[in-house]
Amino acid sequence: MIARLPSGQPYAPPAGLSVLHADAQILVVDKPSGLLSVPGKDPGLEDCLEARVRAAFPDALLLHRLDMDTSGVMVFARTRLAQRHIAWQFEKRSLEKRYVARVWGRPAGDRGRVDLPLICDWPNRPLQMVCHARGKPSVTDWALLAVEGAASRLAVSPLTGRSHQIRVHLREIGHPILGDRFYATGDALAAADRLQLHAESLTLRHPEGGAWVSYTAPVPF
């Protein structure tokens, strides 16, 4: 029987585990698009990045997630001390995250900031929405990398870490991410066979010694 996501979409994640870096304190991997970060609640959704990582590295500890459709860099801790150290960096927003996105159309200008509060759209979860009354502060910076026909390639840096933040913010400024089955429609949805959003790099202080380190996963689109 084919496993299905709550949306009814078949769940057929790609195989394998791509390790970018491993030492005694941390593990860095490149998550493929189409693979859950953590197990789903429904039967058949046990296969996920966390399960694959722990099969190969039993001491790995989860620190953060990426959307199933998003690919790119994820870091795991390998000790409780490293987990606390890096979790503090996420909490204080002291680490640097850079994404690459291909979006529909060309934004006005070469760079910008989206500052719109977000909240879960409960009747339509897991979708998120802008809500000025009850939403949590959410800020995303973007910069134009290239114009590619009817699309544009952007470097994106989320300054907060809300669910679907980049996807909603880019849609709200009129430039949905190509292939985004949640927030794109028409030509923007049909323009790609996967979500064109990739966590390209993560820069943080290493929990052993505190030196800045940066890990990069090549953009697959």
N, C-alpha and C. Protein backbone atom coordinates (compact mmCIF):
# COMPACT_ATOMS: atom_id res chain seq x y z
N MET A 1 0.84 -1.20 0.00
CA MET A 1 0.00 0.00 0.00
C MET A 1 0.88 1.25 0.00
N ILE A 2 0.53 2.21 -0.83
CA ILE A 2 1.28 3.45 -0.92
C ILE A 2 0.94 4.36 0.27
N ALA A 3 1.96 4.81 0.98
CA ALA A 3 1.73 5.74 2.09
C ALA A 3 1.28 7.09 1.54
N ARG A 4 0.40 7.75 2.28
CA ARG A 4 -0.09 9.06 1.84
C ARG A 4 0.03 10.07 2.97
N LEU A 5 0.29 11.30 2.56
CA LEU A 5 0.35 12.41 3.49
C LEU A 5 -1.07 12.81 3.88
N PRO A 6 -1.24 13.60 4.95
CA PRO A 6 -2.59 14.04 5.33
C PRO A 6 -3.35 14.73 4.20
N SER A 7 -2.61 15.35 3.27
CA SER A 7 -3.23 16.02 2.12
C SER A 7 -3.77 15.03 1.09
N GLY A 8 -3.40 13.75 1.22
CA GLY A 8 -3.77 12.75 0.23
C GLY A 8 -2.70 12.50 -0.80
N GLN A 9 -1.66 13.32 -0.80
CA GLN A 9 -0.55 13.16 -1.74
C GLN A 9 0.25 11.91 -1.40
N PRO A 10 0.63 11.11 -2.41
CA PRO A 10 1.46 9.93 -2.13
C PRO A 10 2.80 10.34 -1.51
N TYR A 11 3.28 9.54 -0.58
CA TYR A 11 4.57 9.81 0.05
C TYR A 11 5.58 8.81 -0.49
N ALA A 12 6.45 9.28 -1.36
CA ALA A 12 7.47 8.43 -1.98
C ALA A 12 8.80 9.15 -1.93
N PRO A 13 9.42 9.21 -0.75
CA PRO A 13 10.66 9.99 -0.60
C PRO A 13 11.83 9.36 -1.33
N PRO A 14 12.78 10.18 -1.79
CA PRO A 14 13.99 9.63 -2.42
C PRO A 14 14.84 8.88 -1.40
N ALA A 15 15.63 7.93 -1.89
CA ALA A 15 16.44 7.10 -1.00
C ALA A 15 17.75 7.79 -0.65
N GLY A 16 18.43 7.25 0.38
CA GLY A 16 19.79 7.67 0.68
C GLY A 16 19.91 8.72 1.77
N LEU A 17 21.17 8.96 2.15
CA LEU A 17 21.53 9.96 3.16
C LEU A 17 22.82 10.63 2.71
N SER A 18 22.77 11.95 2.56
CA SER A 18 23.93 12.71 2.11
C SER A 18 24.54 13.46 3.28
N VAL A 19 25.71 13.01 3.74
CA VAL A 19 26.39 13.62 4.88
C VAL A 19 27.40 14.66 4.37
N LEU A 20 27.26 15.89 4.85
CA LEU A 20 28.17 16.97 4.46
C LEU A 20 29.34 17.09 5.42
N HIS A 21 29.12 16.78 6.69
CA HIS A 21 30.17 16.91 7.70
C HIS A 21 29.78 16.09 8.93
N ALA A 22 30.75 15.48 9.56
CA ALA A 22 30.52 14.75 10.81
C ALA A 22 31.75 14.87 11.69
N ASP A 23 31.55 15.22 12.96
CA ASP A 23 32.61 15.18 13.95
C ASP A 23 32.00 14.73 15.27
N ALA A 24 32.74 14.82 16.35
CA ALA A 24 32.26 14.29 17.63
C ALA A 24 31.09 15.08 18.21
N GLN A 25 30.89 16.31 17.72
CA GLN A 25 29.87 17.19 18.30
C GLN A 25 28.64 17.39 17.41
N ILE A 26 28.86 17.46 16.11
CA ILE A 26 27.76 17.79 15.21
C ILE A 26 27.79 16.91 13.96
N LEU A 27 26.63 16.86 13.32
CA LEU A 27 26.47 16.17 12.05
C LEU A 27 25.68 17.10 11.13
N VAL A 28 26.16 17.26 9.90
CA VAL A 28 25.49 18.15 8.95
C VAL A 28 25.14 17.32 7.72
N VAL A 29 23.87 17.40 7.30
CA VAL A 29 23.41 16.60 6.17
C VAL A 29 22.67 17.49 5.17
N ASP A 30 22.51 16.95 3.96
CA ASP A 30 21.79 17.63 2.88
C ASP A 30 20.46 16.90 2.71
N LYS A 31 19.38 17.51 3.18
CA LYS A 31 18.06 16.87 3.07
C LYS A 31 17.51 17.01 1.66
N PRO A 32 17.04 15.92 1.06
CA PRO A 32 16.44 16.04 -0.27
C PRO A 32 15.00 16.54 -0.19
N SER A 33 14.55 17.16 -1.25
CA SER A 33 13.14 17.53 -1.35
C SER A 33 12.30 16.26 -1.39
N GLY A 34 11.16 16.29 -0.72
CA GLY A 34 10.26 15.15 -0.72
C GLY A 34 10.40 14.22 0.46
N LEU A 35 11.35 14.50 1.34
CA LEU A 35 11.57 13.68 2.54
C LEU A 35 11.17 14.48 3.78
N LEU A 36 10.33 13.90 4.63
CA LEU A 36 9.97 14.54 5.89
C LEU A 36 11.21 14.70 6.77
N SER A 37 11.26 15.77 7.54
CA SER A 37 12.35 15.94 8.51
C SER A 37 12.18 15.01 9.70
N VAL A 38 10.93 14.84 10.14
CA VAL A 38 10.61 13.97 11.29
C VAL A 38 9.44 13.09 10.89
N PRO A 39 9.19 12.00 11.64
CA PRO A 39 8.11 11.08 11.23
C PRO A 39 6.75 11.77 11.20
N GLY A 40 5.93 11.37 10.23
CA GLY A 40 4.55 11.83 10.21
C GLY A 40 3.72 11.05 11.21
N LYS A 41 2.53 11.55 11.51
CA LYS A 41 1.67 10.90 12.50
C LYS A 41 0.94 9.68 11.94
N ASP A 42 0.71 9.67 10.64
CA ASP A 42 -0.07 8.59 10.04
C ASP A 42 0.81 7.38 9.70
N PRO A 43 0.25 6.18 9.64
CA PRO A 43 1.01 4.98 9.27
C PRO A 43 1.65 5.14 7.90
N GLY A 44 2.87 4.61 7.77
CA GLY A 44 3.58 4.69 6.50
C GLY A 44 4.44 5.91 6.35
N LEU A 45 4.42 6.80 7.34
CA LEU A 45 5.21 8.03 7.26
C LEU A 45 6.38 8.01 8.24
N GLU A 46 6.86 6.81 8.58
CA GLU A 46 7.96 6.69 9.53
C GLU A 46 9.31 7.06 8.89
N ASP A 47 9.43 6.84 7.58
CA ASP A 47 10.69 7.17 6.90
C ASP A 47 10.86 8.68 6.85
N CYS A 48 11.97 9.16 7.38
CA CYS A 48 12.22 10.60 7.45
C CYS A 48 13.71 10.83 7.63
N LEU A 49 14.13 12.06 7.53
CA LEU A 49 15.55 12.35 7.69
C LEU A 49 16.04 11.98 9.08
N GLU A 50 15.27 12.30 10.12
CA GLU A 50 15.70 11.98 11.48
C GLU A 50 15.94 10.49 11.64
N ALA A 51 15.03 9.66 11.11
CA ALA A 51 15.18 8.21 11.24
C ALA A 51 16.41 7.71 10.48
N ARG A 52 16.65 8.25 9.30
CA ARG A 52 17.82 7.82 8.53
C ARG A 52 19.12 8.25 9.20
N VAL A 53 19.12 9.44 9.74
CA VAL A 53 20.32 9.92 10.44
C VAL A 53 20.60 9.06 11.66
N ARG A 54 19.57 8.74 12.44
CA ARG A 54 19.79 7.98 13.66
C ARG A 54 20.14 6.53 13.37
N ALA A 55 19.73 6.01 12.22
CA ALA A 55 20.15 4.66 11.84
C ALA A 55 21.65 4.61 11.60
N ALA A 56 22.20 5.70 11.06
CA ALA A 56 23.64 5.75 10.78
C ALA A 56 24.44 6.33 11.93
N PHE A 57 23.82 7.24 12.70
CA PHE A 57 24.48 7.92 13.82
C PHE A 57 23.52 7.88 15.01
N PRO A 58 23.52 6.80 15.80
CA PRO A 58 22.53 6.63 16.87
C PRO A 58 22.52 7.73 17.92
N ASP A 59 23.61 8.49 18.03
CA ASP A 59 23.67 9.55 19.04
C ASP A 59 23.11 10.88 18.54
N ALA A 60 22.64 10.95 17.28
CA ALA A 60 22.20 12.22 16.70
C ALA A 60 20.96 12.76 17.41
N LEU A 61 20.95 14.08 17.61
CA LEU A 61 19.85 14.76 18.30
C LEU A 61 19.30 15.86 17.40
N LEU A 62 17.99 15.87 17.23
CA LEU A 62 17.34 16.83 16.34
C LEU A 62 17.44 18.25 16.90
N LEU A 63 17.68 19.21 16.02
CA LEU A 63 17.77 20.61 16.42
C LEU A 63 16.74 21.50 15.71
N HIS A 64 16.43 21.20 14.46
CA HIS A 64 15.50 22.04 13.70
C HIS A 64 14.94 21.20 12.56
N ARG A 65 14.06 21.80 11.76
CA ARG A 65 13.42 21.08 10.67
C ARG A 65 13.43 21.93 9.41
N LEU A 66 13.24 21.27 8.29
CA LEU A 66 12.91 21.91 7.03
C LEU A 66 11.58 21.34 6.56
N ASP A 67 10.81 22.13 5.82
CA ASP A 67 9.59 21.62 5.22
C ASP A 67 9.92 20.39 4.37
N MET A 68 8.96 19.50 4.23
CA MET A 68 9.19 18.29 3.44
C MET A 68 9.66 18.63 2.02
N ASP A 69 9.07 19.65 1.42
CA ASP A 69 9.38 19.98 0.02
C ASP A 69 10.67 20.78 -0.13
N THR A 70 11.22 21.29 0.96
CA THR A 70 12.46 22.07 0.92
C THR A 70 13.66 21.15 1.05
N SER A 71 14.70 21.43 0.30
CA SER A 71 15.95 20.67 0.39
C SER A 71 17.01 21.52 1.08
N GLY A 72 18.14 20.86 1.44
CA GLY A 72 19.29 21.62 1.91
C GLY A 72 19.82 21.26 3.28
N VAL A 73 20.62 22.17 3.81
CA VAL A 73 21.44 21.92 5.00
C VAL A 73 20.59 21.80 6.27
N MET A 74 20.83 20.70 6.99
CA MET A 74 20.30 20.55 8.34
C MET A 74 21.42 20.07 9.25
N VAL A 75 21.44 20.58 10.48
CA VAL A 75 22.47 20.21 11.45
C VAL A 75 21.83 19.43 12.59
N PHE A 76 22.51 18.38 13.04
CA PHE A 76 22.12 17.59 14.20
C PHE A 76 23.25 17.68 15.22
N ALA A 77 22.88 17.66 16.51
CA ALA A 77 23.89 17.58 17.57
C ALA A 77 24.20 16.11 17.86
N ARG A 78 25.40 15.87 18.40
CA ARG A 78 25.78 14.50 18.76
C ARG A 78 26.06 14.35 20.25
N THR A 79 25.93 15.46 20.99
CA THR A 79 26.03 15.42 22.45
C THR A 79 24.98 16.37 23.01
N ARG A 80 24.61 16.18 24.27
CA ARG A 80 23.64 17.08 24.90
C ARG A 80 24.19 18.50 25.00
N LEU A 81 25.50 18.61 25.25
CA LEU A 81 26.11 19.93 25.33
C LEU A 81 26.01 20.65 23.98
N ALA A 82 26.31 19.95 22.90
CA ALA A 82 26.21 20.55 21.58
C ALA A 82 24.76 20.92 21.26
N GLN A 83 23.83 20.08 21.69
CA GLN A 83 22.42 20.37 21.46
C GLN A 83 22.01 21.68 22.14
N ARG A 84 22.41 21.85 23.39
CA ARG A 84 22.08 23.08 24.11
C ARG A 84 22.76 24.30 23.48
N HIS A 85 24.01 24.13 23.08
CA HIS A 85 24.79 25.22 22.51
C HIS A 85 24.16 25.73 21.20
N ILE A 86 23.82 24.80 20.31
CA ILE A 86 23.28 25.21 19.02
C ILE A 86 21.82 25.64 19.15
N ALA A 87 21.06 25.00 20.03
CA ALA A 87 19.67 25.43 20.26
C ALA A 87 19.64 26.87 20.75
N TRP A 88 20.60 27.24 21.59
CA TRP A 88 20.69 28.62 22.06
C TRP A 88 20.95 29.57 20.89
N GLN A 89 21.77 29.15 19.95
CA GLN A 89 22.04 29.99 18.78
C GLN A 89 20.80 30.18 17.92
N PHE A 90 20.02 29.11 17.76
CA PHE A 90 18.76 29.25 17.03
C PHE A 90 17.83 30.20 17.78
N GLU A 91 17.74 30.03 19.09
CA GLU A 91 16.84 30.86 19.89
C GLU A 91 17.23 32.33 19.82
N LYS A 92 18.53 32.61 19.89
CA LYS A 92 19.00 34.00 19.88
C LYS A 92 19.19 34.55 18.47
N ARG A 93 18.94 33.70 17.45
CA ARG A 93 19.07 34.11 16.04
C ARG A 93 20.47 34.60 15.73
N SER A 94 21.46 33.97 16.34
CA SER A 94 22.84 34.40 16.12
C SER A 94 23.51 33.65 14.98
N LEU A 95 22.89 32.54 14.52
CA LEU A 95 23.46 31.84 13.38
C LEU A 95 22.89 32.44 12.09
N GLU A 96 23.49 32.12 10.96
CA GLU A 96 23.10 32.69 9.68
C GLU A 96 22.60 31.59 8.74
N LYS A 97 21.39 31.81 8.21
CA LYS A 97 20.80 30.85 7.27
C LYS A 97 20.62 31.54 5.92
N ARG A 98 21.08 30.88 4.86
CA ARG A 98 20.91 31.42 3.51
C ARG A 98 20.20 30.37 2.66
N TYR A 99 19.11 30.80 2.04
CA TYR A 99 18.36 29.95 1.12
C TYR A 99 18.49 30.52 -0.29
N VAL A 100 18.25 29.67 -1.27
CA VAL A 100 18.09 30.10 -2.65
C VAL A 100 16.69 29.69 -3.08
N ALA A 101 15.98 30.63 -3.71
CA ALA A 101 14.62 30.37 -4.19
C ALA A 101 14.48 30.88 -5.62
N ARG A 102 13.75 30.13 -6.42
CA ARG A 102 13.35 30.62 -7.74
C ARG A 102 11.88 30.98 -7.64
N VAL A 103 11.58 32.23 -8.00
CA VAL A 103 10.22 32.75 -7.83
C VAL A 103 9.65 33.23 -9.16
N TRP A 104 8.35 33.37 -9.20
CA TRP A 104 7.67 33.83 -10.41
C TRP A 104 7.79 35.35 -10.51
N GLY A 105 8.18 35.84 -11.69
CA GLY A 105 8.27 37.27 -11.91
C GLY A 105 9.59 37.86 -11.44
N ARG A 106 9.68 39.19 -11.57
CA ARG A 106 10.88 39.90 -11.14
C ARG A 106 10.50 40.91 -10.06
N PRO A 107 11.11 40.82 -8.88
CA PRO A 107 10.80 41.78 -7.83
C PRO A 107 11.25 43.20 -8.21
N ALA A 108 10.58 44.17 -7.63
CA ALA A 108 10.99 45.56 -7.82
C ALA A 108 12.25 45.81 -7.00
N GLY A 109 13.31 46.22 -7.64
CA GLY A 109 14.57 46.46 -6.94
C GLY A 109 15.43 45.23 -6.88
N ASP A 110 16.62 45.40 -6.32
CA ASP A 110 17.58 44.32 -6.25
C ASP A 110 17.60 43.62 -4.89
N ARG A 111 16.97 44.21 -3.91
CA ARG A 111 16.91 43.60 -2.58
C ARG A 111 15.77 44.21 -1.80
N GLY A 112 15.38 43.53 -0.73
CA GLY A 112 14.29 44.06 0.07
C GLY A 112 14.11 43.27 1.35
N ARG A 113 13.18 43.72 2.16
CA ARG A 113 12.84 43.06 3.43
C ARG A 113 11.33 42.92 3.52
N VAL A 114 10.89 41.72 3.93
CA VAL A 114 9.47 41.48 4.16
C VAL A 114 9.27 41.34 5.67
N ASP A 115 8.44 42.20 6.22
CA ASP A 115 8.18 42.22 7.66
C ASP A 115 6.67 42.09 7.86
N LEU A 116 6.20 40.84 7.92
CA LEU A 116 4.78 40.57 8.04
C LEU A 116 4.56 39.47 9.08
N PRO A 117 3.72 39.70 10.08
CA PRO A 117 3.51 38.71 11.13
C PRO A 117 2.72 37.50 10.60
N LEU A 118 3.09 36.30 11.07
CA LEU A 118 2.49 35.08 10.56
C LEU A 118 1.82 34.27 11.68
N ILE A 119 0.80 33.54 11.29
CA ILE A 119 0.09 32.66 12.21
C ILE A 119 -0.44 31.48 11.42
N CYS A 120 -0.69 30.37 12.09
CA CYS A 120 -1.24 29.20 11.41
C CYS A 120 -2.67 29.48 10.95
N ASP A 121 -2.97 29.10 9.72
CA ASP A 121 -4.33 29.19 9.17
C ASP A 121 -5.04 27.89 9.57
N TRP A 122 -5.59 27.86 10.79
CA TRP A 122 -6.05 26.61 11.39
C TRP A 122 -7.04 25.82 10.53
N PRO A 123 -8.04 26.44 9.91
CA PRO A 123 -8.95 25.63 9.09
C PRO A 123 -8.25 24.97 7.90
N ASN A 124 -7.08 25.51 7.52
CA ASN A 124 -6.37 25.01 6.34
C ASN A 124 -4.95 24.56 6.68
N ARG A 125 -4.69 24.18 7.95
CA ARG A 125 -3.36 23.79 8.32
C ARG A 125 -2.88 22.60 7.49
N PRO A 126 -1.58 22.55 7.13
CA PRO A 126 -0.47 23.30 7.72
C PRO A 126 -0.20 24.68 7.12
N LEU A 127 -1.13 25.22 6.32
CA LEU A 127 -0.89 26.53 5.73
C LEU A 127 -0.76 27.60 6.81
N GLN A 128 0.05 28.61 6.49
CA GLN A 128 0.23 29.76 7.36
C GLN A 128 -0.32 31.00 6.65
N MET A 129 -0.56 32.07 7.41
CA MET A 129 -1.11 33.29 6.81
C MET A 129 -0.62 34.51 7.58
N VAL A 130 -0.73 35.65 6.92
CA VAL A 130 -0.40 36.92 7.56
C VAL A 130 -1.56 37.33 8.46
N CYS A 131 -1.24 37.74 9.69
CA CYS A 131 -2.27 38.22 10.62
C CYS A 131 -1.67 39.32 11.47
N HIS A 132 -2.07 40.55 11.21
CA HIS A 132 -1.51 41.68 11.95
C HIS A 132 -2.02 41.75 13.38
N ALA A 133 -3.13 41.10 13.67
CA ALA A 133 -3.70 41.15 15.01
C ALA A 133 -3.05 40.13 15.95
N ARG A 134 -2.82 38.90 15.45
CA ARG A 134 -2.35 37.82 16.33
C ARG A 134 -1.09 37.12 15.85
N GLY A 135 -0.58 37.51 14.70
CA GLY A 135 0.58 36.83 14.15
C GLY A 135 1.86 37.11 14.91
N LYS A 136 2.82 36.19 14.81
CA LYS A 136 4.13 36.36 15.44
C LYS A 136 5.05 37.15 14.51
N PRO A 137 5.90 38.02 15.06
CA PRO A 137 6.81 38.78 14.21
C PRO A 137 7.63 37.87 13.30
N SER A 138 7.71 38.23 12.03
CA SER A 138 8.39 37.40 11.03
C SER A 138 9.06 38.33 10.01
N VAL A 139 10.37 38.14 9.82
CA VAL A 139 11.14 39.03 8.95
C VAL A 139 12.02 38.20 8.02
N THR A 140 11.97 38.54 6.73
CA THR A 140 12.76 37.85 5.72
C THR A 140 13.45 38.88 4.83
N ASP A 141 14.76 38.74 4.63
CA ASP A 141 15.51 39.56 3.68
C ASP A 141 15.72 38.77 2.39
N TRP A 142 15.71 39.48 1.26
CA TRP A 142 15.96 38.83 -0.03
C TRP A 142 16.85 39.72 -0.90
N ALA A 143 17.56 39.08 -1.81
CA ALA A 143 18.41 39.80 -2.77
C ALA A 143 18.32 39.08 -4.11
N LEU A 144 18.24 39.85 -5.18
CA LEU A 144 18.14 39.29 -6.52
C LEU A 144 19.50 38.77 -6.97
N LEU A 145 19.53 37.49 -7.38
CA LEU A 145 20.75 36.89 -7.91
C LEU A 145 20.76 36.89 -9.43
N ALA A 146 19.61 36.61 -10.06
CA ALA A 146 19.55 36.54 -11.51
C ALA A 146 18.10 36.56 -11.96
N VAL A 147 17.90 37.06 -13.18
CA VAL A 147 16.59 36.96 -13.84
C VAL A 147 16.69 35.81 -14.84
N GLU A 148 15.76 34.87 -14.75
CA GLU A 148 15.79 33.65 -15.57
C GLU A 148 14.48 33.53 -16.33
N GLY A 149 14.36 34.27 -17.42
CA GLY A 149 13.11 34.27 -18.18
C GLY A 149 11.99 34.89 -17.38
N ALA A 150 10.92 34.12 -17.19
CA ALA A 150 9.77 34.62 -16.43
C ALA A 150 9.97 34.49 -14.93
N ALA A 151 11.12 33.97 -14.52
CA ALA A 151 11.39 33.74 -13.09
C ALA A 151 12.60 34.54 -12.63
N SER A 152 12.78 34.59 -11.33
CA SER A 152 13.96 35.23 -10.74
C SER A 152 14.55 34.30 -9.69
N ARG A 153 15.86 34.35 -9.58
CA ARG A 153 16.58 33.57 -8.57
C ARG A 153 16.96 34.54 -7.45
N LEU A 154 16.58 34.18 -6.22
CA LEU A 154 16.82 35.04 -5.07
C LEU A 154 17.68 34.35 -4.02
N ALA A 155 18.51 35.13 -3.34
CA ALA A 155 19.12 34.71 -2.09
C ALA A 155 18.21 35.19 -0.97
N VAL A 156 17.86 34.31 -0.06
CA VAL A 156 16.87 34.64 0.97
C VAL A 156 17.44 34.32 2.34
N SER A 157 17.28 35.27 3.26
CA SER A 157 17.77 35.08 4.63
C SER A 157 16.62 35.34 5.61
N PRO A 158 16.07 34.30 6.20
CA PRO A 158 15.03 34.51 7.21
C PRO A 158 15.66 34.94 8.54
N LEU A 159 15.19 36.04 9.08
CA LEU A 159 15.72 36.53 10.36
C LEU A 159 14.94 35.95 11.54
N THR A 160 13.79 35.38 11.25
CA THR A 160 13.02 34.63 12.24
C THR A 160 12.77 33.25 11.65
N GLY A 161 12.21 32.34 12.42
CA GLY A 161 12.09 30.96 11.97
C GLY A 161 10.68 30.42 12.02
N ARG A 162 9.72 31.15 11.46
CA ARG A 162 8.33 30.69 11.47
C ARG A 162 8.10 29.61 10.40
N SER A 163 7.13 28.77 10.64
CA SER A 163 6.77 27.73 9.68
C SER A 163 6.33 28.38 8.36
N HIS A 164 6.87 27.87 7.25
CA HIS A 164 6.53 28.35 5.90
C HIS A 164 6.84 29.83 5.69
N GLN A 165 7.69 30.40 6.53
CA GLN A 165 7.91 31.85 6.49
C GLN A 165 8.33 32.35 5.11
N ILE A 166 9.36 31.75 4.52
CA ILE A 166 9.84 32.23 3.22
C ILE A 166 8.76 32.07 2.17
N ARG A 167 8.07 30.96 2.18
CA ARG A 167 7.05 30.68 1.18
C ARG A 167 5.91 31.71 1.23
N VAL A 168 5.44 32.01 2.44
CA VAL A 168 4.35 32.97 2.58
C VAL A 168 4.82 34.39 2.26
N HIS A 169 5.98 34.77 2.78
CA HIS A 169 6.47 36.13 2.56
C HIS A 169 6.69 36.42 1.08
N LEU A 170 7.27 35.48 0.34
CA LEU A 170 7.50 35.74 -1.08
C LEU A 170 6.18 35.76 -1.84
N ARG A 171 5.24 34.92 -1.46
CA ARG A 171 3.91 34.98 -2.08
C ARG A 171 3.24 36.33 -1.81
N GLU A 172 3.40 36.83 -0.58
CA GLU A 172 2.75 38.07 -0.19
C GLU A 172 3.27 39.29 -0.96
N ILE A 173 4.52 39.25 -1.42
CA ILE A 173 5.04 40.37 -2.22
C ILE A 173 4.85 40.12 -3.71
N GLY A 174 4.04 39.11 -4.04
CA GLY A 174 3.67 38.88 -5.43
C GLY A 174 4.58 37.97 -6.20
N HIS A 175 5.47 37.22 -5.50
CA HIS A 175 6.43 36.37 -6.19
C HIS A 175 6.49 34.99 -5.54
N PRO A 176 5.45 34.17 -5.77
CA PRO A 176 5.44 32.84 -5.18
C PRO A 176 6.60 32.00 -5.69
N ILE A 177 7.05 31.07 -4.86
CA ILE A 177 8.13 30.17 -5.25
C ILE A 177 7.60 29.18 -6.28
N LEU A 178 8.39 28.93 -7.31
CA LEU A 178 8.00 28.00 -8.36
C LEU A 178 7.77 26.60 -7.77
N GLY A 179 6.70 25.96 -8.21
CA GLY A 179 6.42 24.60 -7.76
C GLY A 179 5.88 24.49 -6.36
N ASP A 180 5.46 25.59 -5.74
CA ASP A 180 4.96 25.56 -4.37
C ASP A 180 3.50 25.12 -4.37
N ARG A 181 3.27 23.86 -3.97
CA ARG A 181 1.92 23.30 -4.03
C ARG A 181 0.97 23.91 -3.01
N PHE A 182 1.50 24.63 -2.03
CA PHE A 182 0.66 25.28 -1.03
C PHE A 182 0.32 26.72 -1.39
N TYR A 183 1.27 27.45 -1.94
CA TYR A 183 1.09 28.89 -2.06
C TYR A 183 1.19 29.43 -3.49
N ALA A 184 1.52 28.59 -4.46
CA ALA A 184 1.59 29.04 -5.85
C ALA A 184 0.39 28.49 -6.63
N THR A 185 0.02 29.19 -7.70
CA THR A 185 -1.07 28.75 -8.56
C THR A 185 -0.66 28.97 -10.01
N GLY A 186 -1.42 28.41 -10.93
CA GLY A 186 -1.24 28.69 -12.35
C GLY A 186 0.16 28.41 -12.85
N ASP A 187 0.70 29.38 -13.60
CA ASP A 187 2.01 29.20 -14.23
C ASP A 187 3.12 29.03 -13.19
N ALA A 188 3.03 29.70 -12.06
CA ALA A 188 4.07 29.60 -11.03
C ALA A 188 4.11 28.18 -10.45
N LEU A 189 2.97 27.56 -10.27
CA LEU A 189 2.92 26.19 -9.76
C LEU A 189 3.41 25.20 -10.81
N ALA A 190 3.03 25.42 -12.05
CA ALA A 190 3.37 24.48 -13.12
C ALA A 190 4.81 24.62 -13.60
N ALA A 191 5.50 25.68 -13.19
CA ALA A 191 6.83 25.96 -13.72
C ALA A 191 7.92 25.02 -13.21
N ALA A 192 7.66 24.24 -12.18
CA ALA A 192 8.67 23.34 -11.62
C ALA A 192 7.99 22.11 -11.04
N ASP A 193 8.70 20.97 -11.07
CA ASP A 193 8.11 19.74 -10.55
C ASP A 193 8.42 19.52 -9.08
N ARG A 194 9.09 20.51 -8.45
CA ARG A 194 9.33 20.48 -7.01
C ARG A 194 9.38 21.91 -6.52
N LEU A 195 9.25 22.11 -5.22
CA LEU A 195 9.41 23.42 -4.62
C LEU A 195 10.83 23.92 -4.86
N GLN A 196 10.97 25.07 -5.48
CA GLN A 196 12.29 25.60 -5.80
C GLN A 196 12.82 26.45 -4.64
N LEU A 197 13.00 25.79 -3.51
CA LEU A 197 13.53 26.42 -2.30
C LEU A 197 14.55 25.48 -1.69
N HIS A 198 15.75 26.01 -1.44
CA HIS A 198 16.86 25.18 -0.97
C HIS A 198 17.63 25.92 0.11
N ALA A 199 17.84 25.25 1.24
CA ALA A 199 18.66 25.81 2.32
C ALA A 199 20.13 25.62 1.94
N GLU A 200 20.72 26.64 1.34
CA GLU A 200 22.05 26.49 0.74
C GLU A 200 23.16 26.44 1.78
N SER A 201 23.08 27.28 2.81
CA SER A 201 24.18 27.30 3.78
C SER A 201 23.69 27.63 5.18
N LEU A 202 24.47 27.17 6.15
CA LEU A 202 24.21 27.45 7.56
C LEU A 202 25.55 27.77 8.21
N THR A 203 25.60 28.92 8.87
CA THR A 203 26.82 29.37 9.54
C THR A 203 26.52 29.51 11.02
N LEU A 204 27.36 28.88 11.85
CA LEU A 204 27.13 28.89 13.30
C LEU A 204 28.45 28.78 14.03
N ARG A 205 28.40 28.98 15.33
CA ARG A 205 29.57 28.77 16.17
C ARG A 205 29.64 27.29 16.57
N HIS A 206 30.77 26.68 16.29
CA HIS A 206 30.91 25.26 16.63
C HIS A 206 30.87 25.10 18.14
N PRO A 207 30.13 24.11 18.63
CA PRO A 207 30.00 23.95 20.09
C PRO A 207 31.30 23.59 20.80
N GLU A 208 32.29 23.14 20.07
CA GLU A 208 33.59 22.85 20.67
C GLU A 208 34.58 23.93 20.25
N GLY A 209 34.78 24.92 21.09
CA GLY A 209 35.72 26.00 20.82
C GLY A 209 35.09 27.30 20.38
N GLY A 210 33.89 27.25 19.84
CA GLY A 210 33.16 28.47 19.50
C GLY A 210 33.55 29.13 18.20
N ALA A 211 34.40 28.52 17.37
CA ALA A 211 34.79 29.13 16.10
C ALA A 211 33.61 29.13 15.13
N TRP A 212 33.53 30.16 14.29
CA TRP A 212 32.51 30.20 13.26
C TRP A 212 32.80 29.14 12.20
N VAL A 213 31.80 28.36 11.83
CA VAL A 213 31.92 27.37 10.78
C VAL A 213 30.72 27.50 9.84
N SER A 214 30.93 27.18 8.58
CA SER A 214 29.86 27.31 7.59
C SER A 214 29.78 26.04 6.77
N TYR A 215 28.58 25.57 6.52
CA TYR A 215 28.35 24.35 5.76
C TYR A 215 27.40 24.65 4.60
N THR A 216 27.72 24.12 3.43
CA THR A 216 27.00 24.44 2.21
C THR A 216 26.57 23.18 1.49
N ALA A 217 25.36 23.20 0.94
CA ALA A 217 24.85 22.12 0.09
C ALA A 217 24.56 22.70 -1.29
N PRO A 218 25.11 22.13 -2.34
CA PRO A 218 24.92 22.67 -3.69
C PRO A 218 23.43 22.79 -4.04
N VAL A 219 23.06 23.87 -4.72
CA VAL A 219 21.68 24.08 -5.12
C VAL A 219 21.34 23.12 -6.26
N PRO A 220 20.29 22.30 -6.13
CA PRO A 220 20.00 21.29 -7.13
C PRO A 220 19.12 21.76 -8.28
N PHE A 221 18.85 23.06 -8.37
CA PHE A 221 18.03 23.57 -9.47
C PHE A 221 18.58 24.90 -9.98
